[in-house]
PDB file of N, CA and C in Angstrom:
ATOM      1  N   MET A   1     -14.959   2.015   5.404  1.00  0.00           N
ATOM      2  CA  MET A   1     -13.584   1.551   5.504  1.00  0.00           C
ATOM      3  C   MET A   1     -12.902   1.715   4.134  1.00  0.00           C
ATOM      4  N   ALA A   2     -11.712   2.221   4.142  1.00  0.00           N
ATOM      5  CA  ALA A   2     -10.961   2.446   2.904  1.00  0.00           C
ATOM      6  C   ALA A   2     -10.466   1.124   2.335  1.00  0.00           C
ATOM      7  N   LYS A   3     -10.391   1.074   1.016  1.00  0.00           N
ATOM      8  CA  LYS A   3      -9.895  -0.134   0.354  1.00  0.00           C
ATOM      9  C   LYS A   3      -8.378  -0.200   0.450  1.00  0.00           C
ATOM     10  N   LYS A   4      -7.868  -1.420   0.531  1.00  0.00           N
ATOM     11  CA  LYS A   4      -6.419  -1.626   0.494  1.00  0.00           C
ATOM     12  C   LYS A   4      -5.934  -1.281  -0.903  1.00  0.00           C
ATOM     13  N   LYS A   5      -4.736  -0.734  -0.973  1.00  0.00           N
ATOM     14  CA  LYS A   5      -4.144  -0.382  -2.261  1.00  0.00           C
ATOM     15  C   LYS A   5      -2.920  -1.251  -2.500  1.00  0.00           C
ATOM     16  N   PHE A   6      -2.778  -1.665  -3.751  1.00  0.00           N
ATOM     17  CA  PHE A   6      -1.682  -2.530  -4.154  1.00  0.00           C
ATOM     18  C   PHE A   6      -0.993  -1.930  -5.368  1.00  0.00           C
ATOM     19  N   GLU A   7       0.302  -2.187  -5.500  1.00  0.00           N
ATOM     20  CA  GLU A   7       1.068  -1.744  -6.666  1.00  0.00           C
ATOM     21  C   GLU A   7       1.432  -2.964  -7.495  1.00  0.00           C
ATOM     22  N   LEU A   8       1.222  -2.881  -8.810  1.00  0.00           N
ATOM     23  CA  LEU A   8       1.598  -3.984  -9.691  1.00  0.00           C
ATOM     24  C   LEU A   8       3.116  -4.093  -9.746  1.00  0.00           C
ATOM     25  N   THR A   9       3.617  -5.302  -9.584  1.00  0.00           N
ATOM     26  CA  THR A   9       5.061  -5.523  -9.662  1.00  0.00           C
ATOM     27  C   THR A   9       5.482  -5.969 -11.057  1.00  0.00           C
ATOM     28  N   SER A  10       4.507  -6.320 -11.900  1.00  0.00           N
ATOM     29  CA  SER A  10       4.762  -6.663 -13.301  1.00  0.00           C
ATOM     30  C   SER A  10       3.533  -6.276 -14.114  1.00  0.00           C
ATOM     31  N   PRO A  11       3.690  -6.068 -15.418  1.00  0.00           N
ATOM     32  CA  PRO A  11       2.544  -5.682 -16.243  1.00  0.00           C
ATOM     33  C   PRO A  11       1.498  -6.798 -16.287  1.00  0.00           C
ATOM     34  N   VAL A  12       0.222  -6.415 -16.427  1.00  0.00           N
ATOM     35  CA  VAL A  12      -0.882  -7.373 -16.476  1.00  0.00           C
ATOM     36  C   VAL A  12      -1.808  -6.980 -17.628  1.00  0.00           C
ATOM     37  N   TRP A  13      -2.202  -7.957 -18.446  1.00  0.00           N
ATOM     38  CA  TRP A  13      -3.180  -7.699 -19.506  1.00  0.00           C
ATOM     39  C   TRP A  13      -4.560  -7.652 -18.872  1.00  0.00           C
ATOM     40  N   GLN A  14      -5.222  -6.491 -18.890  1.00  0.00           N
ATOM     41  CA  GLN A  14      -6.554  -6.307 -18.317  1.00  0.00           C
ATOM     42  C   GLN A  14      -7.615  -6.884 -19.251  1.00  0.00           C
ATOM     43  N   ASN A  15      -7.415  -6.726 -20.554  1.00  0.00           N
ATOM     44  CA  ASN A  15      -8.312  -7.300 -21.558  1.00  0.00           C
ATOM     45  C   ASN A  15      -7.506  -7.479 -22.838  1.00  0.00           C
ATOM     46  N   ALA A  16      -8.194  -7.788 -23.935  1.00  0.00           N
ATOM     47  CA  ALA A  16      -7.494  -8.099 -25.181  1.00  0.00           C
ATOM     48  C   ALA A  16      -6.679  -6.934 -25.749  1.00  0.00           C
ATOM     49  N   ALA A  17      -6.986  -5.716 -25.350  1.00  0.00           N
ATOM     50  CA  ALA A  17      -6.301  -4.567 -25.936  1.00  0.00           C
ATOM     51  C   ALA A  17      -5.596  -3.675 -24.930  1.00  0.00           C
ATOM     52  N   GLU A  18      -5.759  -3.928 -23.656  1.00  0.00           N
ATOM     53  CA  GLU A  18      -5.227  -3.008 -22.642  1.00  0.00           C
ATOM     54  C   GLU A  18      -4.327  -3.730 -21.645  1.00  0.00           C
ATOM     55  N   GLN A  19      -3.096  -3.246 -21.539  1.00  0.00           N
ATOM     56  CA  GLN A  19      -2.147  -3.780 -20.566  1.00  0.00           C
ATOM     57  C   GLN A  19      -1.939  -2.728 -19.485  1.00  0.00           C
ATOM     58  N   ILE A  20      -2.011  -3.154 -18.232  1.00  0.00           N
ATOM     59  CA  ILE A  20      -1.758  -2.249 -17.108  1.00  0.00           C
ATOM     60  C   ILE A  20      -0.265  -2.361 -16.791  1.00  0.00           C
ATOM     61  N   PRO A  21       0.475  -1.248 -16.846  1.00  0.00           N
ATOM     62  CA  PRO A  21       1.926  -1.320 -16.635  1.00  0.00           C
ATOM     63  C   PRO A  21       2.306  -1.568 -15.166  1.00  0.00           C
ATOM     64  N   ALA A  22       3.487  -2.114 -14.969  1.00  0.00           N
ATOM     65  CA  ALA A  22       4.031  -2.299 -13.623  1.00  0.00           C
ATOM     66  C   ALA A  22       4.110  -0.936 -12.942  1.00  0.00           C
ATOM     67  N   GLY A  23       3.863  -0.904 -11.642  1.00  0.00           N
ATOM     68  CA  GLY A  23       3.913   0.339 -10.888  1.00  0.00           C
ATOM     69  C   GLY A  23       2.561   0.997 -10.724  1.00  0.00           C
ATOM     70  N   THR A  24       1.539   0.529 -11.473  1.00  0.00           N
ATOM     71  CA  THR A  24       0.194   1.086 -11.353  1.00  0.00           C
ATOM     72  C   THR A  24      -0.408   0.673 -10.015  1.00  0.00           C
ATOM     73  N   VAL A  25      -1.080   1.609  -9.344  1.00  0.00           N
ATOM     74  CA  VAL A  25      -1.735   1.322  -8.067  1.00  0.00           C
ATOM     75  C   VAL A  25      -3.161   0.875  -8.358  1.00  0.00           C
ATOM     76  N   VAL A  26      -3.553  -0.273  -7.778  1.00  0.00           N
ATOM     77  CA  VAL A  26      -4.875  -0.850  -8.016  1.00  0.00           C
ATOM     78  C   VAL A  26      -5.548  -1.215  -6.695  1.00  0.00           C
ATOM     79  N   THR A  27      -6.883  -1.391  -6.742  1.00  0.00           N
ATOM     80  CA  THR A  27      -7.647  -1.909  -5.606  1.00  0.00           C
ATOM     81  C   THR A  27      -8.485  -3.074  -6.105  1.00  0.00           C
ATOM     82  N   PHE A  28      -9.029  -3.846  -5.182  1.00  0.00           N
ATOM     83  CA  PHE A  28      -9.857  -4.993  -5.526  1.00  0.00           C
ATOM     84  C   PHE A  28     -11.153  -4.948  -4.727  1.00  0.00           C
ATOM     85  N   ASP A  29     -12.227  -5.526  -5.314  1.00  0.00           N
ATOM     86  CA  ASP A  29     -13.541  -5.527  -4.679  1.00  0.00           C
ATOM     87  C   ASP A  29     -13.499  -6.063  -3.246  1.00  0.00           C
ATOM     88  N   ASP A  30     -12.792  -7.163  -3.041  1.00  0.00           N
ATOM     89  CA  ASP A  30     -12.756  -7.789  -1.712  1.00  0.00           C
ATOM     90  C   ASP A  30     -11.464  -7.490  -0.945  1.00  0.00           C
ATOM     91  N   ASN A  31     -10.733  -6.450  -1.381  1.00  0.00           N
ATOM     92  CA  ASN A  31      -9.492  -6.018  -0.734  1.00  0.00           C
ATOM     93  C   ASN A  31      -8.357  -7.034  -0.796  1.00  0.00           C
ATOM     94  N   GLU A  32      -8.480  -8.056  -1.629  1.00  0.00           N
ATOM     95  CA  GLU A  32      -7.408  -9.035  -1.787  1.00  0.00           C
ATOM     96  C   GLU A  32      -7.221  -9.322  -3.271  1.00  0.00           C
ATOM     97  N   PRO A  33      -5.979  -9.431  -3.732  1.00  0.00           N
ATOM     98  CA  PRO A  33      -5.741  -9.744  -5.137  1.00  0.00           C
ATOM     99  C   PRO A  33      -6.292 -11.123  -5.485  1.00  0.00           C
ATOM    100  N   ALA A  34      -6.768 -11.271  -6.702  1.00  0.00           N
ATOM    101  CA  ALA A  34      -7.326 -12.542  -7.149  1.00  0.00           C
ATOM    102  C   ALA A  34      -6.943 -12.783  -8.593  1.00  0.00           C
ATOM    103  N   GLY A  35      -7.118 -14.014  -9.034  1.00  0.00           N
ATOM    104  CA  GLY A  35      -6.883 -14.368 -10.436  1.00  0.00           C
ATOM    105  C   GLY A  35      -5.486 -14.022 -10.898  1.00  0.00           C
ATOM    106  N   ILE A  36      -5.397 -13.323 -12.021  1.00  0.00           N
ATOM    107  CA  ILE A  36      -4.103 -13.009 -12.626  1.00  0.00           C
ATOM    108  C   ILE A  36      -3.271 -12.035 -11.802  1.00  0.00           C
ATOM    109  N   PHE A  37      -3.881 -11.411 -10.789  1.00  0.00           N
ATOM    110  CA  PHE A  37      -3.157 -10.440  -9.969  1.00  0.00           C
ATOM    111  C   PHE A  37      -2.408 -11.088  -8.796  1.00  0.00           C
ATOM    112  N   ILE A  38      -2.735 -12.347  -8.482  1.00  0.00           N
ATOM    113  CA  ILE A  38      -2.060 -13.038  -7.375  1.00  0.00           C
ATOM    114  C   ILE A  38      -0.576 -13.173  -7.701  1.00  0.00           C
ATOM    115  N   GLY A  39       0.264 -12.730  -6.792  1.00  0.00           N
ATOM    116  CA  GLY A  39       1.708 -12.813  -6.990  1.00  0.00           C
ATOM    117  C   GLY A  39       2.282 -11.697  -7.843  1.00  0.00           C
ATOM    118  N   ARG A  40       1.439 -10.768  -8.287  1.00  0.00           N
ATOM    119  CA  ARG A  40       1.911  -9.680  -9.146  1.00  0.00           C
ATOM    120  C   ARG A  40       1.661  -8.310  -8.530  1.00  0.00           C
ATOM    121  N   VAL A  41       1.342  -8.271  -7.246  1.00  0.00           N
ATOM    122  CA  VAL A  41       1.101  -6.996  -6.569  1.00  0.00           C
ATOM    123  C   VAL A  41       1.765  -7.002  -5.202  1.00  0.00           C
ATOM    124  N   ARG A  42       2.004  -5.800  -4.699  1.00  0.00           N
ATOM    125  CA  ARG A  42       2.451  -5.662  -3.316  1.00  0.00           C
ATOM    126  C   ARG A  42       1.576  -4.604  -2.666  1.00  0.00           C
ATOM    127  N   GLU A  43       1.234  -4.821  -1.408  1.00  0.00           N
ATOM    128  CA  GLU A  43       0.339  -3.905  -0.708  1.00  0.00           C
ATOM    129  C   GLU A  43       1.047  -2.596  -0.377  1.00  0.00           C
ATOM    130  N   LEU A  44       0.322  -1.492  -0.567  1.00  0.00           N
ATOM    131  CA  LEU A  44       0.836  -0.168  -0.224  1.00  0.00           C
ATOM    132  C   LEU A  44       0.213   0.277   1.092  1.00  0.00           C
ATOM    133  N   ASN A  45       0.971   0.980   1.901  1.00  0.00           N
ATOM    134  CA  ASN A  45       0.469   1.460   3.181  1.00  0.00           C
ATOM    135  C   ASN A  45       0.188   2.951   3.186  1.00  0.00           C
ATOM    136  N   SER A  46       0.502   3.642   2.085  1.00  0.00           N
ATOM    137  CA  SER A  46       0.295   5.080   2.045  1.00  0.00           C
ATOM    138  C   SER A  46      -0.933   5.432   1.215  1.00  0.00           C
ATOM    139  N   ALA A  47      -1.450   6.638   1.407  1.00  0.00           N
ATOM    140  CA  ALA A  47      -2.616   7.098   0.663  1.00  0.00           C
ATOM    141  C   ALA A  47      -2.208   7.534  -0.736  1.00  0.00           C
ATOM    142  N   GLY A  48      -3.152   7.514  -1.648  1.00  0.00           N
ATOM    143  CA  GLY A  48      -2.881   7.934  -3.013  1.00  0.00           C
ATOM    144  C   GLY A  48      -3.962   7.442  -3.940  1.00  0.00           C
ATOM    145  N   GLU A  49      -3.856   7.812  -5.200  1.00  0.00           N
ATOM    146  CA  GLU A  49      -4.839   7.396  -6.189  1.00  0.00           C
ATOM    147  C   GLU A  49      -4.632   5.934  -6.557  1.00  0.00           C
ATOM    148  N   ALA A  50      -5.724   5.245  -6.886  1.00  0.00           N
ATOM    149  CA  ALA A  50      -5.643   3.847  -7.273  1.00  0.00           C
ATOM    150  C   ALA A  50      -6.620   3.569  -8.397  1.00  0.00           C
ATOM    151  N   LEU A  51      -6.276   2.637  -9.253  1.00  0.00           N
ATOM    152  CA  LEU A  51      -7.138   2.183 -10.328  1.00  0.00           C
ATOM    153  C   LEU A  51      -7.862   0.942  -9.844  1.00  0.00           C
ATOM    154  N   GLU A  52      -9.206   0.965  -9.833  1.00  0.00           N
ATOM    155  CA  GLU A  52      -9.951  -0.221  -9.413  1.00  0.00           C
ATOM    156  C   GLU A  52     -10.042  -1.170 -10.589  1.00  0.00           C
ATOM    157  N   VAL A  53      -9.670  -2.418 -10.364  1.00  0.00           N
ATOM    158  CA  VAL A  53      -9.694  -3.409 -11.428  1.00  0.00           C
ATOM    159  C   VAL A  53     -10.704  -4.490 -11.110  1.00  0.00           C
ATOM    160  N   ALA A  54     -11.269  -5.058 -12.130  1.00  0.00           N
ATOM    161  CA  ALA A  54     -12.251  -6.121 -11.958  1.00  0.00           C
ATOM    162  C   ALA A  54     -11.512  -7.439 -11.755  1.00  0.00           C
ATOM    163  N   SER A  55     -11.977  -8.213 -10.802  1.00  0.00           N
ATOM    164  CA  SER A  55     -11.397  -9.530 -10.575  1.00  0.00           C
ATOM    165  C   SER A  55     -12.027 -10.515 -11.550  1.00  0.00           C
ATOM    166  N   PRO A  56     -11.258 -11.448 -12.075  1.00  0.00           N
ATOM    167  CA  PRO A  56     -11.826 -12.442 -12.986  1.00  0.00           C
ATOM    168  C   PRO A  56     -12.913 -13.271 -12.310  1.00  0.00           C
ATOM    169  N   ALA A  57     -13.859 -13.765 -13.090  1.00  0.00           N
ATOM    170  CA  ALA A  57     -14.989 -14.527 -12.558  1.00  0.00           C
ATOM    171  C   ALA A  57     -14.533 -15.774 -11.810  1.00  0.00           C
ATOM    172  N   LYS A  58     -13.420 -16.355 -12.211  1.00  0.00           N
ATOM    173  CA  LYS A  58     -12.930 -17.578 -11.572  1.00  0.00           C
ATOM    174  C   LYS A  58     -11.858 -17.283 -10.529  1.00  0.00           C
ATOM    175  N   ALA A  59     -11.903 -16.137  -9.935  1.00  0.00           N
ATOM    176  CA  ALA A  59     -10.861 -15.710  -9.000  1.00  0.00           C
ATOM    177  C   ALA A  59     -10.756 -16.642  -7.806  1.00  0.00           C
ATOM    178  N   GLU A  60     -11.876 -17.043  -7.244  1.00  0.00           N
ATOM    179  CA  GLU A  60     -11.828 -17.908  -6.064  1.00  0.00           C
ATOM    180  C   GLU A  60     -11.204 -19.253  -6.401  1.00  0.00           C
ATOM    181  N   THR A  61     -11.546 -19.822  -7.548  1.00  0.00           N
ATOM    182  CA  THR A  61     -10.965 -21.091  -7.961  1.00  0.00           C
ATOM    183  C   THR A  61      -9.458 -20.948  -8.136  1.00  0.00           C
ATOM    184  N   ALA A  62      -9.033 -19.863  -8.764  1.00  0.00           N
ATOM    185  CA  ALA A  62      -7.603 -19.627  -8.964  1.00  0.00           C
ATOM    186  C   ALA A  62      -6.892 -19.449  -7.628  1.00  0.00           C
ATOM    187  N   LYS A  63      -7.532 -18.730  -6.700  1.00  0.00           N
ATOM    188  CA  LYS A  63      -6.923 -18.498  -5.389  1.00  0.00           C
ATOM    189  C   LYS A  63      -6.754 -19.829  -4.649  1.00  0.00           C
ATOM    190  N   GLU A  64      -7.780 -20.702  -4.700  1.00  0.00           N
ATOM    191  CA  GLU A  64      -7.701 -22.001  -4.032  1.00  0.00           C
ATOM    192  C   GLU A  64      -6.627 -22.875  -4.666  1.00  0.00           C
ATOM    193  N   LEU A  65      -6.573 -22.894  -6.000  1.00  0.00           N
ATOM    194  CA  LEU A  65      -5.577 -23.685  -6.703  1.00  0.00           C
ATOM    195  C   LEU A  65      -4.175 -23.205  -6.362  1.00  0.00           C
ATOM    196  N   ASN A  66      -3.969 -21.897  -6.349  1.00  0.00           N
ATOM    197  CA  ASN A  66      -2.655 -21.346  -6.024  1.00  0.00           C
ATOM    198  C   ASN A  66      -2.265 -21.650  -4.589  1.00  0.00           C
ATOM    199  N   ALA A  67      -3.237 -21.663  -3.677  1.00  0.00           N
ATOM    200  CA  ALA A  67      -2.953 -21.973  -2.277  1.00  0.00           C
ATOM    201  C   ALA A  67      -2.505 -23.425  -2.140  1.00  0.00           C
ATOM    202  N   GLN A  68      -3.090 -24.313  -2.945  1.00  0.00           N
ATOM    203  CA  GLN A  68      -2.736 -25.727  -2.888  1.00  0.00           C
ATOM    204  C   GLN A  68      -1.366 -25.988  -3.494  1.00  0.00           C
ATOM    205  N   THR A  69      -1.077 -25.342  -4.611  1.00  0.00           N
ATOM    206  CA  THR A  69       0.174 -25.621  -5.311  1.00  0.00           C
ATOM    207  C   THR A  69       1.313 -24.716  -4.871  1.00  0.00           C
ATOM    208  N   GLY A  70       0.974 -23.569  -4.270  1.00  0.00           N
ATOM    209  CA  GLY A  70       1.999 -22.614  -3.865  1.00  0.00           C
ATOM    210  C   GLY A  70       2.581 -21.840  -5.026  1.00  0.00           C
ATOM    211  N   GLU A  71       1.920 -21.899  -6.182  1.00  0.00           N
ATOM    212  CA  GLU A  71       2.428 -21.217  -7.371  1.00  0.00           C
ATOM    213  C   GLU A  71       1.591 -19.985  -7.675  1.00  0.00           C
ATOM    214  N   ALA A  72       2.209 -19.021  -8.314  1.00  0.00           N
ATOM    215  CA  ALA A  72       1.486 -17.837  -8.780  1.00  0.00           C
ATOM    216  C   ALA A  72       0.715 -18.202 -10.036  1.00  0.00           C
ATOM    217  N   ALA A  73      -0.325 -17.458 -10.308  1.00  0.00           N
ATOM    218  CA  ALA A  73      -1.107 -17.684 -11.525  1.00  0.00           C
ATOM    219  C   ALA A  73      -0.219 -17.473 -12.742  1.00  0.00           C
ATOM    220  N   PRO A  74      -0.421 -18.270 -13.801  1.00  0.00           N
ATOM    221  CA  PRO A  74       0.418 -18.097 -14.990  1.00  0.00           C
ATOM    222  C   PRO A  74       0.159 -16.758 -15.670  1.00  0.00           C
ATOM    223  N   VAL A  75       1.188 -16.238 -16.313  1.00  0.00           N
ATOM    224  CA  VAL A  75       1.052 -14.969 -17.033  1.00  0.00           C
ATOM    225  C   VAL A  75       0.371 -15.264 -18.352  1.00  0.00           C
ATOM    226  N   PRO A  76      -0.806 -14.673 -18.591  1.00  0.00           N
ATOM    227  CA  PRO A  76      -1.452 -14.931 -19.876  1.00  0.00           C
ATOM    228  C   PRO A  76      -0.702 -14.227 -21.013  1.00  0.00           C
ATOM    229  N   ALA A  77      -0.686 -14.880 -22.166  1.00  0.00           N
ATOM    230  CA  ALA A  77      -0.033 -14.296 -23.324  1.00  0.00           C
ATOM    231  C   ALA A  77      -0.889 -13.144 -23.862  1.00  0.00           C
ATOM    232  N   PRO A  78      -0.263 -12.169 -24.467  1.00  0.00           N
ATOM    233  CA  PRO A  78      -1.048 -11.084 -25.053  1.00  0.00           C
ATOM    234  C   PRO A  78      -1.920 -11.646 -26.175  1.00  0.00           C
ATOM    235  N   PRO A  79      -3.032 -11.007 -26.436  1.00  0.00           N
ATOM    236  CA  PRO A  79      -3.919 -11.514 -27.479  1.00  0.00           C
ATOM    237  C   PRO A  79      -3.262 -11.458 -28.855  1.00  0.00           C
ATOM    238  N   ALA A  80      -3.614 -12.426 -29.681  1.00  0.00           N
ATOM    239  CA  ALA A  80      -3.057 -12.468 -31.032  1.00  0.00           C
ATOM    240  C   ALA A  80      -3.642 -11.341 -31.879  1.00  0.00           C
ATOM    241  N   ALA A  81      -2.820 -10.774 -32.710  1.00  0.00           N
ATOM    242  CA  ALA A  81      -3.286  -9.691 -33.595  1.00  0.00           C
ATOM    243  C   ALA A  81      -4.176 -10.267 -34.674  1.00  0.00           C
ATOM    244  N   LYS A  82      -5.294  -9.600 -34.918  1.00  0.00           N
ATOM    245  CA  LYS A  82      -6.203 -10.042 -35.974  1.00  0.00           C
ATOM    246  C   LYS A  82      -5.745  -9.462 -37.293  1.00  0.00           C
ATOM    247  N   LYS A  83      -5.854 -10.273 -38.336  1.00  0.00           N
ATOM    248  CA  LYS A  83      -5.424  -9.824 -39.665  1.00  0.00           C
ATOM    249  C   LYS A  83      -6.621  -9.401 -40.477  1.00  0.00           C
TER     250      LYS A  83
END
């Protein structure tokens, strides 16, 4: 079965040095956005290339919390520059 594809609607920091820009097509291990991606993607119905992203370890906790509060996950701040 093919994975669902989603498009980022806003930029997301993937790690301390890499930001994924809005408009990037991504997939998820369980075919559903989790963690920082909740509320920042829209599902695509057409075929095309996609970037597979790792879901955060606490994705299920974040998904449950967001379901209870009805809020999207907070946008994490970019990492501070080291001097």
